[in-house]
Amino acid sequence: MPAVTVRNLPLETHRALKVRAAQNGRSTEAEIRLILEEAVTPKSRLKIGSELAAFGRRYGGIELNYKRDRRPIEPAKFS
């Protein structure tokens, strides 16, 4: 698993992290890990299919006259 070193962290910030970790019953390292995960994880996940369907509904939708090709897929040829 990757490791990160944070240099020149202000003493006040380190103390605040230790206090926050203690309040949450975690080690300082676990608290920092959680803070970083929350900072980079989206609050809600965008699901492209749902978003496209909602977009279509907003603009009245379209009628697709498309028949699926059910033939087996041919493998790619690289020659």
N, C-alpha and C. Protein backbone atom coordinates (compact mmCIF):
# COMPACT_ATOMS: atom_id res chain seq x y z
N MET A 1 0.85 -1.18 0.00
CA MET A 1 0.00 0.00 0.00
C MET A 1 0.90 1.24 0.00
N PRO A 2 0.55 2.25 -0.78
CA PRO A 2 1.37 3.46 -0.83
C PRO A 2 1.40 4.20 0.50
N ALA A 3 2.47 4.93 0.71
CA ALA A 3 2.62 5.75 1.91
C ALA A 3 2.91 7.18 1.49
N VAL A 4 2.45 8.13 2.29
CA VAL A 4 2.65 9.55 2.02
C VAL A 4 3.27 10.18 3.26
N THR A 5 4.27 11.01 3.05
CA THR A 5 4.87 11.77 4.14
C THR A 5 4.50 13.23 3.96
N VAL A 6 3.98 13.84 5.02
CA VAL A 6 3.62 15.26 4.97
C VAL A 6 4.65 16.02 5.79
N ARG A 7 5.40 16.87 5.13
CA ARG A 7 6.43 17.64 5.81
C ARG A 7 5.90 19.04 6.17
N ASN A 8 6.53 19.63 7.16
CA ASN A 8 6.24 21.01 7.57
C ASN A 8 4.78 21.22 7.99
N LEU A 9 4.20 20.21 8.62
CA LEU A 9 2.84 20.33 9.14
C LEU A 9 2.89 21.21 10.38
N PRO A 10 2.10 22.27 10.43
CA PRO A 10 2.13 23.14 11.61
C PRO A 10 1.76 22.35 12.88
N LEU A 11 2.41 22.71 13.97
CA LEU A 11 2.18 22.04 15.25
C LEU A 11 0.71 22.10 15.65
N GLU A 12 0.06 23.23 15.41
CA GLU A 12 -1.36 23.38 15.76
C GLU A 12 -2.23 22.39 14.98
N THR A 13 -1.88 22.20 13.72
CA THR A 13 -2.65 21.26 12.89
C THR A 13 -2.46 19.84 13.39
N HIS A 14 -1.23 19.49 13.74
CA HIS A 14 -0.96 18.15 14.25
C HIS A 14 -1.71 17.91 15.56
N ARG A 15 -1.70 18.90 16.43
CA ARG A 15 -2.44 18.77 17.71
C ARG A 15 -3.93 18.61 17.46
N ALA A 16 -4.47 19.41 16.53
CA ALA A 16 -5.90 19.32 16.22
C ALA A 16 -6.25 17.95 15.66
N LEU A 17 -5.38 17.39 14.84
CA LEU A 17 -5.61 16.05 14.30
C LEU A 17 -5.61 15.00 15.41
N LYS A 18 -4.67 15.13 16.35
CA LYS A 18 -4.61 14.19 17.47
C LYS A 18 -5.86 14.27 18.33
N VAL A 19 -6.33 15.50 18.59
CA VAL A 19 -7.54 15.69 19.40
C VAL A 19 -8.75 15.11 18.67
N ARG A 20 -8.86 15.42 17.39
CA ARG A 20 -10.00 14.90 16.60
C ARG A 20 -9.98 13.37 16.58
N ALA A 21 -8.81 12.79 16.41
CA ALA A 21 -8.69 11.33 16.39
C ALA A 21 -9.13 10.73 17.73
N ALA A 22 -8.69 11.33 18.82
CA ALA A 22 -9.06 10.84 20.14
C ALA A 22 -10.57 10.95 20.35
N GLN A 23 -11.18 12.04 19.91
CA GLN A 23 -12.62 12.21 20.05
C GLN A 23 -13.40 11.16 19.27
N ASN A 24 -12.82 10.71 18.16
CA ASN A 24 -13.49 9.71 17.33
C ASN A 24 -13.03 8.29 17.60
N GLY A 25 -12.16 8.13 18.61
CA GLY A 25 -11.71 6.79 19.00
C GLY A 25 -10.82 6.13 17.96
N ARG A 26 -10.03 6.94 17.25
CA ARG A 26 -9.14 6.40 16.23
C ARG A 26 -7.72 6.88 16.49
N SER A 27 -6.78 6.21 15.86
CA SER A 27 -5.40 6.69 15.91
C SER A 27 -5.30 7.93 15.02
N THR A 28 -4.26 8.72 15.23
CA THR A 28 -4.07 9.91 14.40
C THR A 28 -3.92 9.50 12.93
N GLU A 29 -3.18 8.44 12.69
CA GLU A 29 -2.99 7.97 11.31
C GLU A 29 -4.32 7.56 10.68
N ALA A 30 -5.16 6.84 11.42
CA ALA A 30 -6.47 6.43 10.89
C ALA A 30 -7.35 7.65 10.63
N GLU A 31 -7.26 8.64 11.49
CA GLU A 31 -8.06 9.86 11.31
C GLU A 31 -7.63 10.61 10.05
N ILE A 32 -6.34 10.73 9.85
CA ILE A 32 -5.82 11.40 8.65
C ILE A 32 -6.24 10.63 7.40
N ARG A 33 -6.16 9.32 7.45
CA ARG A 33 -6.57 8.48 6.32
C ARG A 33 -8.04 8.72 5.99
N LEU A 34 -8.89 8.78 7.01
CA LEU A 34 -10.32 9.01 6.81
C LEU A 34 -10.57 10.41 6.22
N ILE A 35 -9.88 11.40 6.73
CA ILE A 35 -10.04 12.77 6.21
C ILE A 35 -9.67 12.82 4.73
N LEU A 36 -8.56 12.18 4.37
CA LEU A 36 -8.14 12.17 2.96
C LEU A 36 -9.14 11.43 2.08
N GLU A 37 -9.63 10.28 2.54
CA GLU A 37 -10.61 9.52 1.77
C GLU A 37 -11.88 10.34 1.55
N GLU A 38 -12.37 11.01 2.59
CA GLU A 38 -13.58 11.82 2.46
C GLU A 38 -13.36 13.01 1.52
N ALA A 39 -12.15 13.53 1.50
CA ALA A 39 -11.85 14.69 0.66
C ALA A 39 -11.86 14.35 -0.83
N VAL A 40 -11.51 13.13 -1.18
CA VAL A 40 -11.41 12.78 -2.60
C VAL A 40 -12.55 11.90 -3.11
N THR A 41 -13.42 11.44 -2.22
CA THR A 41 -14.54 10.59 -2.63
C THR A 41 -15.76 11.45 -2.88
N PRO A 42 -16.38 11.31 -4.06
CA PRO A 42 -17.58 12.11 -4.34
C PRO A 42 -18.71 11.77 -3.36
N LYS A 43 -19.49 12.79 -3.01
CA LYS A 43 -20.60 12.57 -2.08
C LYS A 43 -21.67 11.68 -2.70
N SER A 44 -21.94 11.90 -3.96
CA SER A 44 -22.88 11.03 -4.66
C SER A 44 -22.26 10.65 -5.99
N ARG A 45 -22.49 9.44 -6.37
CA ARG A 45 -21.89 8.93 -7.58
C ARG A 45 -22.76 9.23 -8.78
N LEU A 46 -22.17 9.76 -9.82
CA LEU A 46 -22.90 10.03 -11.05
C LEU A 46 -23.00 8.73 -11.83
N LYS A 47 -24.22 8.31 -12.09
CA LYS A 47 -24.46 7.11 -12.88
C LYS A 47 -24.89 7.57 -14.25
N ILE A 48 -24.04 7.36 -15.23
CA ILE A 48 -24.22 7.94 -16.54
C ILE A 48 -25.52 7.49 -17.20
N GLY A 49 -25.90 6.23 -17.06
CA GLY A 49 -27.15 5.76 -17.66
C GLY A 49 -28.36 6.48 -17.09
N SER A 50 -28.41 6.62 -15.78
CA SER A 50 -29.51 7.33 -15.13
C SER A 50 -29.54 8.79 -15.54
N GLU A 51 -28.35 9.39 -15.65
CA GLU A 51 -28.27 10.80 -16.03
C GLU A 51 -28.73 11.01 -17.47
N LEU A 52 -28.35 10.10 -18.36
CA LEU A 52 -28.79 10.19 -19.76
C LEU A 52 -30.31 10.01 -19.88
N ALA A 53 -30.86 9.07 -19.12
CA ALA A 53 -32.31 8.85 -19.15
C ALA A 53 -33.04 10.09 -18.64
N ALA A 54 -32.54 10.70 -17.56
CA ALA A 54 -33.17 11.92 -17.03
C ALA A 54 -33.07 13.05 -18.04
N PHE A 55 -31.94 13.16 -18.71
CA PHE A 55 -31.76 14.18 -19.74
C PHE A 55 -32.79 13.99 -20.85
N GLY A 56 -32.97 12.76 -21.29
CA GLY A 56 -33.96 12.46 -22.33
C GLY A 56 -35.37 12.83 -21.90
N ARG A 57 -35.72 12.51 -20.65
CA ARG A 57 -37.06 12.84 -20.14
C ARG A 57 -37.28 14.35 -20.09
N ARG A 58 -36.25 15.09 -19.68
CA ARG A 58 -36.36 16.55 -19.61
C ARG A 58 -36.67 17.18 -20.96
N TYR A 59 -36.16 16.59 -22.01
CA TYR A 59 -36.33 17.17 -23.35
C TYR A 59 -37.29 16.38 -24.22
N GLY A 60 -38.20 15.66 -23.60
CA GLY A 60 -39.26 14.98 -24.33
C GLY A 60 -38.89 13.63 -24.91
N GLY A 61 -37.66 13.22 -24.78
CA GLY A 61 -37.23 11.93 -25.28
C GLY A 61 -37.18 11.87 -26.80
N ILE A 62 -36.73 10.75 -27.28
CA ILE A 62 -36.70 10.52 -28.72
C ILE A 62 -37.13 9.09 -28.99
N GLU A 63 -37.59 8.85 -30.18
CA GLU A 63 -38.00 7.51 -30.56
C GLU A 63 -36.88 6.87 -31.38
N LEU A 64 -36.34 5.79 -30.88
CA LEU A 64 -35.28 5.09 -31.60
C LEU A 64 -35.87 3.87 -32.30
N ASN A 65 -35.73 3.82 -33.58
CA ASN A 65 -36.14 2.64 -34.35
C ASN A 65 -34.88 1.84 -34.63
N TYR A 66 -34.45 1.13 -33.61
CA TYR A 66 -33.19 0.42 -33.68
C TYR A 66 -33.43 -1.03 -33.33
N LYS A 67 -32.99 -1.92 -34.20
CA LYS A 67 -33.10 -3.35 -33.93
C LYS A 67 -31.70 -3.87 -33.64
N ARG A 68 -31.55 -4.54 -32.52
CA ARG A 68 -30.25 -5.03 -32.09
C ARG A 68 -29.77 -6.15 -33.00
N ASP A 69 -28.49 -6.08 -33.38
CA ASP A 69 -27.87 -7.12 -34.18
C ASP A 69 -27.47 -8.25 -33.25
N ARG A 70 -28.08 -9.39 -33.39
CA ARG A 70 -27.85 -10.51 -32.48
C ARG A 70 -26.81 -11.51 -33.00
N ARG A 71 -26.15 -11.19 -34.13
CA ARG A 71 -25.13 -12.10 -34.65
C ARG A 71 -23.95 -12.15 -33.69
N PRO A 72 -23.24 -13.30 -33.65
CA PRO A 72 -22.05 -13.39 -32.79
C PRO A 72 -21.00 -12.37 -33.21
N ILE A 73 -20.26 -11.88 -32.26
CA ILE A 73 -19.21 -10.89 -32.52
C ILE A 73 -18.01 -11.60 -33.12
N GLU A 74 -17.48 -11.03 -34.18
CA GLU A 74 -16.27 -11.56 -34.81
C GLU A 74 -15.05 -11.00 -34.09
N PRO A 75 -14.05 -11.82 -33.83
CA PRO A 75 -12.84 -11.30 -33.17
C PRO A 75 -12.10 -10.33 -34.07
N ALA A 76 -11.40 -9.40 -33.47
CA ALA A 76 -10.61 -8.42 -34.22
C ALA A 76 -9.44 -9.12 -34.90
N LYS A 77 -9.10 -8.61 -36.09
CA LYS A 77 -7.95 -9.17 -36.83
C LYS A 77 -6.91 -8.07 -36.94
N PHE A 78 -5.71 -8.38 -36.49
CA PHE A 78 -4.61 -7.43 -36.53
C PHE A 78 -3.54 -7.96 -37.46
N SER A 79 -3.71 -7.70 -38.73
CA SER A 79 -2.71 -8.21 -39.69
C SER A 79 -2.28 -7.13 -40.65
